[in-house]
N, C-alpha and C. Protein backbone atom coordinates (compact mmCIF):
# COMPACT_ATOMS: atom_id res chain seq x y z
N MET A 1 -46.24 9.60 -67.38
CA MET A 1 -45.73 8.23 -67.03
C MET A 1 -46.03 7.09 -67.75
N SER A 2 -45.33 6.12 -67.76
CA SER A 2 -44.86 5.21 -68.60
C SER A 2 -46.30 4.13 -68.97
N LYS A 3 -46.22 3.92 -70.39
CA LYS A 3 -47.51 3.39 -70.60
C LYS A 3 -47.54 1.88 -69.82
N GLU A 4 -46.37 1.30 -69.77
CA GLU A 4 -46.33 -0.06 -69.37
C GLU A 4 -46.93 -0.18 -67.54
N ASN A 5 -47.40 0.93 -66.76
CA ASN A 5 -47.73 0.98 -65.73
C ASN A 5 -49.15 0.78 -65.73
N LYS A 6 -49.51 -0.55 -65.26
CA LYS A 6 -51.04 -0.41 -65.42
C LYS A 6 -51.85 -0.10 -63.97
N THR A 7 -50.94 0.04 -62.81
CA THR A 7 -51.39 0.82 -61.71
C THR A 7 -50.62 1.97 -61.73
N PRO A 8 -51.36 2.98 -61.02
CA PRO A 8 -50.35 4.12 -61.07
C PRO A 8 -49.33 3.79 -59.76
N VAL A 9 -48.06 4.99 -60.02
CA VAL A 9 -47.10 4.89 -59.32
C VAL A 9 -47.62 5.59 -58.08
N ARG A 10 -47.20 4.86 -57.05
CA ARG A 10 -47.35 5.43 -55.63
C ARG A 10 -46.51 6.55 -55.08
N VAL A 11 -46.59 7.51 -54.70
CA VAL A 11 -45.74 8.68 -54.35
C VAL A 11 -46.01 9.19 -52.95
N VAL A 12 -45.14 9.28 -51.95
CA VAL A 12 -44.98 10.09 -50.97
C VAL A 12 -44.05 11.26 -50.89
N ILE A 13 -44.69 12.48 -50.80
CA ILE A 13 -44.26 13.66 -50.71
C ILE A 13 -43.82 14.34 -49.24
N ALA A 14 -42.67 14.84 -49.26
CA ALA A 14 -42.30 15.32 -47.68
C ALA A 14 -41.29 16.59 -48.08
N GLU A 15 -42.13 17.97 -47.74
CA GLU A 15 -41.73 19.10 -48.15
C GLU A 15 -42.08 19.93 -47.19
N ASP A 16 -41.46 20.83 -46.54
CA ASP A 16 -41.98 21.64 -45.39
C ASP A 16 -42.62 22.85 -45.74
N GLU A 17 -42.46 23.44 -47.09
CA GLU A 17 -43.07 24.46 -47.68
C GLU A 17 -44.11 24.12 -48.16
N ALA A 18 -45.54 24.62 -47.52
CA ALA A 18 -46.99 24.24 -48.05
C ALA A 18 -47.05 24.22 -49.56
N ILE A 19 -46.44 25.45 -50.03
CA ILE A 19 -47.00 25.71 -51.56
C ILE A 19 -46.18 24.85 -52.23
N VAL A 20 -44.71 24.65 -51.85
CA VAL A 20 -44.24 23.76 -53.00
C VAL A 20 -44.78 22.34 -52.95
N ARG A 21 -45.23 21.99 -51.46
CA ARG A 21 -45.77 20.42 -51.66
C ARG A 21 -47.14 20.45 -52.28
N LEU A 22 -47.83 21.77 -52.37
CA LEU A 22 -49.15 21.62 -53.19
C LEU A 22 -48.72 21.41 -54.08
N ASP A 23 -47.84 22.34 -54.83
CA ASP A 23 -47.52 22.18 -56.22
C ASP A 23 -46.95 20.95 -56.86
N LEU A 24 -45.93 20.26 -55.96
CA LEU A 24 -45.44 18.82 -56.35
C LEU A 24 -46.98 17.95 -56.45
N LYS A 25 -47.93 18.12 -55.27
CA LYS A 25 -48.93 17.09 -55.58
C LYS A 25 -50.07 17.09 -56.73
N GLU A 26 -50.32 18.53 -56.99
CA GLU A 26 -50.95 19.03 -57.94
C GLU A 26 -50.26 18.37 -59.53
N ILE A 27 -48.90 18.85 -59.63
CA ILE A 27 -48.42 18.16 -60.65
C ILE A 27 -48.30 16.61 -60.86
N LEU A 28 -48.01 15.98 -59.92
CA LEU A 28 -48.10 14.26 -59.85
C LEU A 28 -49.50 14.03 -60.13
N LEU A 29 -50.27 14.56 -59.73
CA LEU A 29 -51.75 13.85 -59.72
C LEU A 29 -52.28 14.11 -61.13
N SER A 30 -52.03 15.39 -61.74
CA SER A 30 -52.43 15.59 -63.24
C SER A 30 -51.65 14.61 -64.09
N ALA A 31 -50.46 14.26 -63.95
CA ALA A 31 -49.74 13.29 -64.46
C ALA A 31 -50.11 11.79 -64.28
N GLY A 32 -51.01 11.53 -63.51
CA GLY A 32 -51.45 10.20 -63.23
C GLY A 32 -50.79 9.47 -62.08
N TYR A 33 -50.05 9.99 -61.14
CA TYR A 33 -49.65 9.42 -60.25
C TYR A 33 -50.26 9.54 -58.79
N ASP A 34 -50.17 8.39 -58.04
CA ASP A 34 -51.08 8.46 -57.00
C ASP A 34 -50.30 9.07 -55.71
N VAL A 35 -50.56 9.92 -55.12
CA VAL A 35 -49.91 10.33 -54.03
C VAL A 35 -50.75 9.82 -52.81
N VAL A 36 -49.89 9.13 -52.28
CA VAL A 36 -50.43 8.25 -50.97
C VAL A 36 -50.23 8.80 -49.76
N GLY A 37 -49.09 9.79 -49.68
CA GLY A 37 -49.11 10.17 -48.25
C GLY A 37 -48.26 11.79 -48.55
N GLU A 38 -48.48 12.79 -47.60
CA GLU A 38 -47.78 13.93 -47.74
C GLU A 38 -47.76 14.44 -46.21
N THR A 39 -46.12 15.10 -46.24
CA THR A 39 -45.90 15.78 -44.57
C THR A 39 -44.94 16.85 -44.93
N GLY A 40 -44.74 17.54 -43.89
CA GLY A 40 -43.81 18.53 -43.80
C GLY A 40 -42.64 17.98 -42.76
N ARG A 41 -42.28 16.87 -42.56
CA ARG A 41 -41.43 16.44 -41.38
C ARG A 41 -40.45 15.29 -42.03
N GLY A 42 -39.57 15.19 -41.78
CA GLY A 42 -38.74 13.82 -42.26
C GLY A 42 -39.13 12.78 -41.50
N ASP A 43 -39.06 12.67 -40.10
CA ASP A 43 -39.57 11.70 -39.43
C ASP A 43 -40.99 11.22 -39.92
N GLU A 44 -41.83 12.08 -40.04
CA GLU A 44 -43.25 11.50 -40.66
C GLU A 44 -43.00 11.05 -42.02
N ALA A 45 -42.31 11.41 -42.77
CA ALA A 45 -41.78 10.66 -44.23
C ALA A 45 -41.27 9.39 -43.89
N VAL A 46 -40.60 9.13 -43.03
CA VAL A 46 -40.25 7.64 -42.57
C VAL A 46 -41.40 6.82 -42.36
N ARG A 47 -42.25 7.37 -41.54
CA ARG A 47 -43.55 6.70 -40.93
C ARG A 47 -44.38 6.29 -42.23
N LEU A 48 -44.58 7.57 -43.07
CA LEU A 48 -45.83 7.36 -43.91
C LEU A 48 -45.28 6.16 -45.05
N SER A 49 -43.81 6.47 -45.33
CA SER A 49 -43.25 5.15 -46.24
C SER A 49 -43.35 3.80 -45.68
N ALA A 50 -43.38 3.68 -44.36
CA ALA A 50 -43.41 2.26 -43.88
C ALA A 50 -44.53 1.62 -43.91
N GLU A 51 -45.89 2.76 -43.67
CA GLU A 51 -47.04 2.62 -43.91
C GLU A 51 -47.77 2.31 -44.97
N THR A 52 -47.31 2.99 -45.97
CA THR A 52 -47.90 2.97 -47.47
C THR A 52 -47.12 2.46 -48.76
N ARG A 53 -46.04 2.00 -48.37
CA ARG A 53 -45.11 1.29 -49.22
C ARG A 53 -44.93 1.71 -50.49
N PRO A 54 -44.85 3.26 -50.92
CA PRO A 54 -44.97 3.81 -51.81
C PRO A 54 -43.66 3.17 -52.79
N ASP A 55 -44.06 3.77 -54.38
CA ASP A 55 -42.71 3.20 -55.29
C ASP A 55 -41.75 4.35 -55.17
N LEU A 56 -42.29 5.61 -54.62
CA LEU A 56 -41.19 6.86 -54.74
C LEU A 56 -41.67 7.52 -53.92
N ALA A 57 -40.43 7.94 -52.95
CA ALA A 57 -40.46 9.28 -51.88
C ALA A 57 -39.67 10.38 -52.39
N ILE A 58 -40.23 11.57 -52.46
CA ILE A 58 -39.76 12.65 -52.56
C ILE A 58 -39.64 13.57 -51.57
N LEU A 59 -38.28 13.89 -51.07
CA LEU A 59 -37.95 14.15 -49.88
C LEU A 59 -37.40 15.77 -50.00
N ASP A 60 -37.55 16.70 -49.32
CA ASP A 60 -36.91 18.04 -49.18
C ASP A 60 -35.71 17.82 -48.31
N VAL A 61 -34.55 18.48 -48.75
CA VAL A 61 -33.25 18.27 -47.81
C VAL A 61 -33.37 18.59 -46.66
N LYS A 62 -33.89 20.02 -46.35
CA LYS A 62 -34.10 20.48 -45.11
C LYS A 62 -35.43 20.23 -44.33
N MET A 63 -35.55 19.51 -43.42
CA MET A 63 -36.96 19.42 -42.73
C MET A 63 -36.97 19.25 -41.43
N PRO A 64 -37.76 19.97 -40.77
CA PRO A 64 -37.94 19.70 -39.11
C PRO A 64 -38.41 18.07 -38.90
N GLY A 65 -37.80 17.49 -37.83
CA GLY A 65 -37.80 16.26 -37.16
C GLY A 65 -36.34 15.20 -37.85
N MET A 66 -36.45 15.55 -39.02
CA MET A 66 -35.27 14.70 -39.58
C MET A 66 -35.07 15.13 -40.71
N SER A 67 -33.82 15.09 -41.22
CA SER A 67 -33.33 15.96 -42.80
C SER A 67 -33.76 14.94 -43.66
N GLY A 68 -33.78 15.11 -44.92
CA GLY A 68 -34.28 14.20 -45.85
C GLY A 68 -33.46 13.28 -46.33
N ILE A 69 -31.99 13.64 -46.32
CA ILE A 69 -31.16 12.32 -46.18
C ILE A 69 -31.10 11.49 -45.43
N GLN A 70 -31.31 11.84 -44.17
CA GLN A 70 -31.39 10.86 -42.86
C GLN A 70 -32.65 10.12 -43.35
N ALA A 71 -33.73 10.55 -43.64
CA ALA A 71 -34.98 9.99 -43.98
C ALA A 71 -34.99 8.94 -45.16
N ALA A 72 -34.19 9.38 -45.94
CA ALA A 72 -33.67 8.64 -47.16
C ALA A 72 -33.33 7.46 -46.85
N ARG A 73 -32.04 7.48 -45.90
CA ARG A 73 -31.50 6.32 -45.30
C ARG A 73 -32.53 5.24 -44.67
N GLU A 74 -33.09 5.82 -43.99
CA GLU A 74 -34.06 4.95 -43.11
C GLU A 74 -34.86 4.42 -44.10
N ILE A 75 -35.68 4.97 -44.93
CA ILE A 75 -36.62 4.79 -45.91
C ILE A 75 -36.18 3.58 -46.87
N THR A 76 -34.99 3.60 -47.33
CA THR A 76 -34.54 2.69 -48.44
C THR A 76 -33.64 1.71 -47.62
N LYS A 77 -33.63 1.43 -46.15
CA LYS A 77 -32.84 0.85 -45.34
C LYS A 77 -33.52 -0.86 -45.70
N ASP A 78 -34.79 -1.00 -45.61
CA ASP A 78 -35.63 -2.46 -45.98
C ASP A 78 -36.39 -2.54 -46.82
N ALA A 79 -36.60 -1.58 -47.64
CA ALA A 79 -37.61 -1.48 -48.57
C ALA A 79 -37.05 -1.04 -50.01
N GLN A 80 -37.94 -1.45 -51.20
CA GLN A 80 -37.23 -1.02 -52.37
C GLN A 80 -38.13 0.09 -52.74
N ILE A 81 -37.85 1.14 -52.23
CA ILE A 81 -38.37 2.56 -52.54
C ILE A 81 -37.46 3.37 -53.22
N ALA A 82 -37.76 4.08 -54.37
CA ALA A 82 -37.12 4.68 -54.98
C ALA A 82 -37.37 6.31 -54.06
N VAL A 83 -35.91 6.79 -54.27
CA VAL A 83 -35.81 8.30 -53.44
C VAL A 83 -35.21 9.29 -54.33
N MET A 84 -35.97 10.36 -54.25
CA MET A 84 -35.62 11.51 -55.04
C MET A 84 -35.41 12.86 -53.86
N VAL A 85 -34.56 13.66 -53.97
CA VAL A 85 -34.31 14.80 -52.77
C VAL A 85 -34.58 16.27 -53.66
N LEU A 86 -35.29 16.97 -53.21
CA LEU A 86 -35.38 18.58 -53.56
C LEU A 86 -34.31 19.23 -53.04
N THR A 87 -33.49 19.96 -53.74
CA THR A 87 -32.56 20.86 -52.80
C THR A 87 -32.45 22.29 -53.34
N ALA A 88 -32.02 22.94 -52.56
CA ALA A 88 -31.70 24.45 -53.11
C ALA A 88 -30.40 24.39 -53.70
N PHE A 89 -30.39 25.43 -54.50
CA PHE A 89 -28.91 25.38 -55.21
C PHE A 89 -27.63 25.40 -54.41
N SER A 90 -27.72 26.00 -53.32
CA SER A 90 -26.76 26.21 -52.70
C SER A 90 -26.11 24.96 -51.75
N GLN A 91 -27.22 23.90 -51.79
CA GLN A 91 -26.97 22.61 -51.17
C GLN A 91 -26.42 21.51 -51.94
N ARG A 92 -25.88 21.71 -53.06
CA ARG A 92 -25.51 21.00 -53.89
C ARG A 92 -24.20 19.92 -53.20
N GLU A 93 -23.96 20.49 -52.25
CA GLU A 93 -22.36 19.73 -51.60
C GLU A 93 -23.03 18.54 -50.87
N LEU A 94 -24.45 18.58 -50.88
CA LEU A 94 -24.91 17.43 -49.93
C LEU A 94 -25.44 16.04 -50.64
N ILE A 95 -25.17 16.60 -52.28
CA ILE A 95 -25.45 15.58 -53.10
C ILE A 95 -24.75 14.19 -53.06
N GLU A 96 -23.36 14.30 -52.73
CA GLU A 96 -22.58 13.07 -52.46
C GLU A 96 -23.16 12.35 -51.47
N GLU A 97 -23.51 13.07 -50.15
CA GLU A 97 -24.01 12.14 -49.06
C GLU A 97 -25.33 11.83 -49.11
N ALA A 98 -25.92 12.42 -50.10
CA ALA A 98 -27.58 11.85 -50.36
C ALA A 98 -27.21 10.19 -51.32
N ARG A 99 -26.25 10.44 -52.24
CA ARG A 99 -26.07 9.15 -52.74
C ARG A 99 -25.81 7.97 -51.96
N ASP A 100 -25.04 8.26 -50.72
CA ASP A 100 -24.88 7.18 -49.72
C ASP A 100 -25.63 6.84 -49.18
N ALA A 101 -26.77 7.83 -49.15
CA ALA A 101 -27.83 7.34 -48.12
C ALA A 101 -29.09 6.39 -49.12
N GLY A 102 -28.76 6.48 -50.25
CA GLY A 102 -29.66 5.45 -51.04
C GLY A 102 -30.52 6.38 -52.13
N VAL A 103 -30.05 7.66 -52.21
CA VAL A 103 -30.75 8.54 -53.10
C VAL A 103 -30.73 8.53 -54.57
N ALA A 104 -31.51 7.97 -55.38
CA ALA A 104 -31.52 7.83 -56.52
C ALA A 104 -30.93 9.12 -57.67
N ALA A 105 -31.76 10.36 -57.13
CA ALA A 105 -31.77 11.24 -57.85
C ALA A 105 -31.96 12.50 -57.07
N TYR A 106 -31.45 13.90 -57.56
CA TYR A 106 -31.98 15.03 -57.10
C TYR A 106 -32.66 16.08 -58.16
N LEU A 107 -33.26 17.11 -57.63
CA LEU A 107 -33.93 18.20 -58.41
C LEU A 107 -33.68 19.39 -57.76
N VAL A 108 -33.02 20.43 -58.25
CA VAL A 108 -32.86 21.76 -57.72
C VAL A 108 -33.89 22.82 -57.78
N LYS A 109 -34.41 23.26 -56.80
CA LYS A 109 -35.55 24.37 -56.61
C LYS A 109 -34.97 25.73 -57.09
N PRO A 110 -36.07 26.21 -57.62
CA PRO A 110 -37.22 26.19 -58.24
C PRO A 110 -36.98 25.15 -59.61
N PHE A 111 -38.12 24.14 -60.00
CA PHE A 111 -38.41 23.43 -60.94
C PHE A 111 -39.43 23.71 -61.92
N ARG A 112 -39.37 23.39 -62.84
CA ARG A 112 -40.41 23.30 -63.90
C ARG A 112 -41.34 22.05 -63.73
N ARG A 113 -42.58 21.73 -64.17
CA ARG A 113 -43.22 20.93 -64.35
C ARG A 113 -42.49 19.48 -65.24
N ASP A 114 -42.38 19.78 -66.44
CA ASP A 114 -41.53 19.12 -67.10
C ASP A 114 -40.26 18.39 -66.62
N GLU A 115 -39.37 19.60 -65.76
CA GLU A 115 -38.44 18.88 -65.15
C GLU A 115 -38.44 17.85 -64.16
N LEU A 116 -39.63 18.12 -63.17
CA LEU A 116 -40.09 17.21 -62.23
C LEU A 116 -40.46 15.91 -62.86
N LEU A 117 -41.27 15.71 -63.76
CA LEU A 117 -41.73 14.83 -64.41
C LEU A 117 -40.63 13.92 -65.07
N GLY A 118 -39.95 14.42 -66.01
CA GLY A 118 -38.76 13.92 -66.33
C GLY A 118 -37.69 13.32 -65.24
N ALA A 119 -37.45 13.82 -64.23
CA ALA A 119 -36.85 13.33 -63.16
C ALA A 119 -37.30 12.01 -62.38
N VAL A 120 -38.84 12.24 -61.95
CA VAL A 120 -39.35 10.95 -61.66
C VAL A 120 -39.16 9.88 -62.61
N GLU A 121 -39.35 10.02 -63.78
CA GLU A 121 -39.46 8.83 -64.88
C GLU A 121 -38.22 8.32 -64.76
N GLN A 122 -37.23 9.23 -64.87
CA GLN A 122 -35.79 8.85 -64.81
C GLN A 122 -35.28 7.74 -63.43
N VAL A 123 -35.81 8.32 -62.55
CA VAL A 123 -35.49 7.97 -61.21
C VAL A 123 -36.09 6.30 -61.02
N LEU A 124 -37.46 6.24 -61.24
CA LEU A 124 -38.24 5.21 -61.47
C LEU A 124 -37.65 4.08 -62.26
N ALA A 125 -37.07 4.70 -63.38
CA ALA A 125 -36.35 3.47 -64.72
C ALA A 125 -35.21 2.99 -63.58
N SER A 126 -34.30 4.05 -63.11
CA SER A 126 -32.98 3.58 -62.80
C SER A 126 -33.25 2.67 -61.52
N CYS A 127 -34.13 2.76 -60.76
CA CYS A 127 -34.27 2.16 -59.61
C CYS A 127 -34.87 0.72 -60.07
N ARG A 128 -35.82 0.75 -60.96
CA ARG A 128 -36.29 -0.76 -61.26
C ARG A 128 -35.01 -1.78 -61.95
N GLN A 129 -34.37 -1.04 -63.11
CA GLN A 129 -33.20 -1.60 -63.42
C GLN A 129 -32.40 -2.26 -62.18
N GLU A 130 -31.91 -1.47 -61.38
CA GLU A 130 -31.02 -1.75 -60.27
C GLU A 130 -31.61 -2.89 -59.53
N TRP A 131 -32.97 -2.91 -59.06
CA TRP A 131 -33.42 -3.67 -58.47
C TRP A 131 -33.64 -5.11 -59.39
N ALA A 132 -33.67 -5.24 -60.24
CA ALA A 132 -33.64 -6.13 -61.30
C ALA A 132 -32.68 -6.80 -61.40
N ILE A 133 -31.37 -6.17 -61.58
CA ILE A 133 -30.06 -6.75 -61.43
C ILE A 133 -29.80 -7.34 -60.57
N ASP A 134 -29.92 -6.71 -58.98
CA ASP A 134 -29.89 -7.25 -57.71
C ASP A 134 -30.73 -8.62 -57.92
N ALA A 135 -31.84 -8.39 -58.21
CA ALA A 135 -32.64 -9.82 -58.20
C ALA A 135 -32.16 -11.14 -59.13
N GLU A 136 -31.49 -10.73 -59.99
CA GLU A 136 -30.95 -11.56 -61.10
C GLU A 136 -29.74 -12.22 -60.15
N ILE A 137 -28.92 -11.31 -59.68
CA ILE A 137 -27.69 -12.21 -58.97
C ILE A 137 -28.01 -12.88 -57.66
N GLU A 138 -29.18 -12.72 -57.16
CA GLU A 138 -29.72 -13.52 -56.26
C GLU A 138 -30.08 -14.60 -56.65
N THR A 139 -30.78 -14.58 -57.95
CA THR A 139 -31.45 -15.72 -58.34
C THR A 139 -30.25 -17.00 -58.97
N PHE A 140 -29.28 -16.22 -59.96
CA PHE A 140 -28.25 -16.86 -60.44
C PHE A 140 -27.16 -17.01 -59.80
N GLY A 141 -26.97 -16.36 -58.84
CA GLY A 141 -25.56 -16.30 -57.91
C GLY A 141 -24.63 -15.35 -59.18
N ALA A 142 -23.65 -14.82 -58.48
CA ALA A 142 -22.53 -13.82 -58.99
C ALA A 142 -21.46 -14.65 -59.45
N ASP A 143 -20.81 -14.23 -60.56
CA ASP A 143 -19.49 -14.60 -61.14
C ASP A 143 -18.26 -13.81 -60.72
N GLY A 144 -17.76 -14.34 -59.53
CA GLY A 144 -16.94 -13.29 -58.71
C GLY A 144 -17.76 -12.87 -57.85
N SER A 145 -17.17 -11.47 -57.52
CA SER A 145 -18.36 -10.71 -56.12
C SER A 145 -19.45 -10.17 -57.07
N ALA A 146 -20.49 -10.01 -56.00
CA ALA A 146 -21.77 -9.44 -56.39
C ALA A 146 -21.47 -8.12 -56.96
N ALA A 147 -20.86 -7.22 -56.36
CA ALA A 147 -20.52 -5.87 -56.81
C ALA A 147 -19.89 -5.88 -58.18
N GLU A 148 -18.79 -6.48 -58.46
CA GLU A 148 -18.23 -6.70 -59.94
C GLU A 148 -19.44 -7.00 -60.94
N ASP A 149 -20.15 -8.04 -60.60
CA ASP A 149 -20.97 -8.58 -61.26
C ASP A 149 -22.13 -7.81 -61.66
N LYS A 150 -22.45 -7.11 -60.70
CA LYS A 150 -23.49 -5.87 -60.98
C LYS A 150 -22.99 -4.53 -61.98
N ILE A 151 -21.89 -4.19 -61.71
CA ILE A 151 -21.14 -3.51 -62.63
C ILE A 151 -21.08 -4.05 -64.00
N ALA A 152 -20.58 -5.12 -64.03
CA ALA A 152 -20.32 -5.91 -65.37
C ALA A 152 -21.86 -5.85 -66.13
N THR A 153 -22.84 -6.21 -65.46
CA THR A 153 -24.37 -6.18 -65.86
C THR A 153 -24.57 -4.94 -66.23
N ARG A 154 -24.63 -4.38 -65.49
CA ARG A 154 -25.33 -2.63 -65.80
C ARG A 154 -24.40 -2.12 -67.07
N ARG A 155 -23.07 -2.24 -67.34
CA ARG A 155 -22.18 -2.02 -68.23
C ARG A 155 -23.00 -2.34 -69.69
N VAL A 156 -23.12 -3.64 -69.69
CA VAL A 156 -23.61 -4.18 -71.20
C VAL A 156 -25.26 -3.83 -71.32
N VAL A 157 -26.06 -3.97 -70.45
CA VAL A 157 -27.13 -3.63 -70.61
C VAL A 157 -27.29 -2.10 -71.06
N GLU A 158 -26.63 -1.34 -70.38
CA GLU A 158 -26.76 0.00 -70.75
C GLU A 158 -26.35 0.19 -72.33
N GLU A 159 -25.24 -0.52 -72.51
CA GLU A 159 -24.89 -0.47 -74.17
C GLU A 159 -26.10 -1.00 -75.06
N ALA A 160 -26.51 -2.31 -74.44
CA ALA A 160 -27.55 -2.60 -75.34
C ALA A 160 -28.96 -1.94 -75.39
N LYS A 161 -29.47 -1.19 -74.45
CA LYS A 161 -30.40 -0.28 -74.37
C LYS A 161 -29.99 0.99 -75.33
N GLY A 162 -28.97 1.34 -75.44
CA GLY A 162 -28.48 2.40 -76.26
C GLY A 162 -28.79 2.08 -77.70
N ARG A 163 -28.45 0.81 -77.85
CA ARG A 163 -28.62 0.20 -79.27
C ARG A 163 -30.37 0.11 -79.81
N LEU A 164 -30.87 -0.30 -78.72
CA LEU A 164 -32.57 -0.57 -78.99
C LEU A 164 -33.12 1.06 -78.99
N ILE A 165 -32.56 2.04 -78.55
CA ILE A 165 -33.27 3.16 -78.42
C ILE A 165 -32.83 3.63 -79.74
N GLU A 166 -31.51 3.81 -80.17
CA GLU A 166 -31.21 3.90 -81.35
C GLU A 166 -31.83 3.41 -82.66
N HIS A 167 -31.82 2.17 -82.78
CA HIS A 167 -32.10 1.32 -83.80
C HIS A 167 -33.62 0.88 -83.74
N SER A 168 -34.22 0.73 -82.50
CA SER A 168 -35.69 0.06 -82.69
C SER A 168 -36.76 1.07 -82.17
N ASP A 169 -36.51 2.31 -81.93
CA ASP A 169 -37.14 3.56 -81.91
C ASP A 169 -37.87 3.24 -80.46
N MET A 170 -37.03 2.84 -79.40
CA MET A 170 -37.75 2.56 -78.16
C MET A 170 -37.52 3.68 -76.96
N SER A 171 -38.02 3.77 -76.14
CA SER A 171 -37.73 4.27 -74.78
C SER A 171 -36.88 4.02 -74.15
N GLU A 172 -36.08 4.58 -73.22
CA GLU A 172 -35.26 3.81 -72.10
C GLU A 172 -35.97 2.73 -71.27
N ALA A 173 -37.12 2.82 -71.26
CA ALA A 173 -37.93 2.01 -70.31
C ALA A 173 -38.42 0.76 -71.00
N GLU A 174 -38.88 1.23 -72.41
CA GLU A 174 -39.28 -0.02 -73.26
C GLU A 174 -37.78 -0.83 -73.58
N ALA A 175 -36.89 -0.47 -73.59
CA ALA A 175 -35.57 -1.03 -74.02
C ALA A 175 -35.19 -2.13 -72.90
N PHE A 176 -35.34 -1.35 -71.79
CA PHE A 176 -35.18 -2.41 -70.34
C PHE A 176 -36.07 -3.40 -70.39
N SER A 177 -37.34 -2.97 -70.69
CA SER A 177 -38.37 -3.99 -70.39
C SER A 177 -38.14 -5.21 -71.33
N PHE A 178 -38.02 -4.93 -72.45
CA PHE A 178 -37.61 -6.05 -73.84
C PHE A 178 -36.29 -6.70 -73.30
N ILE A 179 -35.37 -6.18 -72.82
CA ILE A 179 -34.18 -7.10 -72.41
C ILE A 179 -34.79 -8.00 -71.00
N GLN A 180 -35.36 -7.58 -70.04
CA GLN A 180 -35.82 -7.86 -68.79
C GLN A 180 -36.84 -9.29 -69.12
N ARG A 181 -37.67 -8.60 -69.87
CA ARG A 181 -39.05 -9.95 -70.48
C ARG A 181 -37.88 -10.94 -71.32
N THR A 182 -37.36 -10.89 -72.21
CA THR A 182 -36.66 -11.89 -72.86
C THR A 182 -35.64 -12.68 -72.09
N ALA A 183 -35.15 -12.01 -71.27
CA ALA A 183 -34.27 -12.64 -69.83
C ALA A 183 -35.27 -14.12 -69.18
N MET A 184 -36.49 -13.24 -68.85
CA MET A 184 -37.04 -13.91 -68.06
C MET A 184 -37.70 -15.29 -68.88
N ARG A 185 -38.17 -14.94 -70.16
CA ARG A 185 -38.71 -16.14 -71.07
C ARG A 185 -37.84 -16.76 -71.18
N THR A 186 -36.41 -16.65 -71.65
CA THR A 186 -35.40 -17.65 -71.88
C THR A 186 -34.80 -18.36 -70.78
N ARG A 187 -35.13 -17.86 -69.64
CA ARG A 187 -34.34 -18.10 -68.44
C ARG A 187 -32.67 -17.79 -68.51
N ALA A 188 -32.47 -16.81 -69.18
CA ALA A 188 -31.25 -16.45 -69.28
C ALA A 188 -30.77 -15.09 -68.50
N ARG A 189 -29.64 -14.89 -68.07
CA ARG A 189 -29.28 -13.40 -67.74
C ARG A 189 -29.33 -12.30 -68.36
N MET A 190 -29.77 -11.26 -67.78
CA MET A 190 -29.83 -10.06 -68.73
C MET A 190 -28.55 -9.84 -69.45
N ARG A 191 -27.51 -9.98 -69.16
CA ARG A 191 -26.49 -9.62 -69.53
C ARG A 191 -26.12 -10.48 -70.86
N GLU A 192 -26.61 -11.88 -70.85
CA GLU A 192 -26.47 -12.31 -71.82
C GLU A 192 -27.33 -11.97 -73.26
N VAL A 193 -28.67 -11.61 -72.58
CA VAL A 193 -29.52 -11.08 -73.69
C VAL A 193 -29.16 -9.64 -74.31
N ALA A 194 -28.69 -9.04 -73.49
CA ALA A 194 -27.94 -7.90 -74.01
C ALA A 194 -26.80 -7.85 -74.79
N ARG A 195 -26.05 -8.84 -74.54
CA ARG A 195 -24.98 -9.23 -75.72
C ARG A 195 -25.72 -9.57 -76.85
N GLN A 196 -26.53 -10.31 -76.66
CA GLN A 196 -27.10 -10.99 -78.07
C GLN A 196 -27.86 -9.82 -78.73
N VAL A 197 -28.37 -8.51 -78.29
CA VAL A 197 -28.76 -7.35 -78.72
C VAL A 197 -27.75 -6.73 -79.74
N LEU A 198 -26.64 -6.70 -78.55
CA LEU A 198 -25.37 -6.18 -79.03
C LEU A 198 -24.66 -6.78 -80.50
N ASP A 199 -24.60 -8.00 -80.46
CA ASP A 199 -23.87 -8.51 -81.62
C ASP A 199 -24.92 -8.82 -82.70
N GLY A 200 -26.43 -8.34 -82.68
CA GLY A 200 -27.09 -8.28 -83.71
C GLY A 200 -27.97 -9.41 -84.17
N SER A 201 -27.83 -10.65 -82.95
CA SER A 201 -28.38 -11.85 -82.90
C SER A 201 -30.00 -11.86 -82.63
N LEU A 202 -30.29 -10.72 -81.85
CA LEU A 202 -31.62 -10.50 -81.17
C LEU A 202 -31.87 -9.02 -81.66
N SER A 203 -33.21 -9.12 -81.83
CA SER A 203 -33.86 -7.85 -82.19
C SER A 203 -35.37 -7.85 -81.60
N PRO A 204 -35.94 -6.83 -81.42
CA PRO A 204 -37.59 -6.84 -80.79
C PRO A 204 -38.35 -7.21 -82.27
């Protein structure tokens, strides 16, 4: 888990196979995450997420009560909660539908510990970046449409992160944090800070 996280990341787990659910919980707890709810039902996952407001919900695709994709749609509707789904290899055709439901990533079962933790880190970093860009557009307004502004900002921020990772020996999370913190400190847009990184006028 990122050293930047001063408080543990809160996670809800929804998986109808008890042994897989236990495995998920043990891996996450051992890595320093806080499992604030667990269930074997999709509808219960929605209720738990509303009650506990986790940072992340990990959902199996097929569950009684409600599918993981339906649950994801409900969970992300009114809250900034990152969602990752677990899928069997044969369920890959559901991935497009999952993305439309607000799912940030998926992991194919069976998975290894390092695969799960790597996917969780990636999902959290990706969602935090998207939320930060959304918040910035809300604060500053958009140049043109909000969707186009978001794409333009994402593109230049990704390029700047790549440069920071390559030249400043930063992790992806550290690179984005540097861009975001600098933008907040200078009251500039993140894409303006990212351009300064790219043209060499700004470095850590």
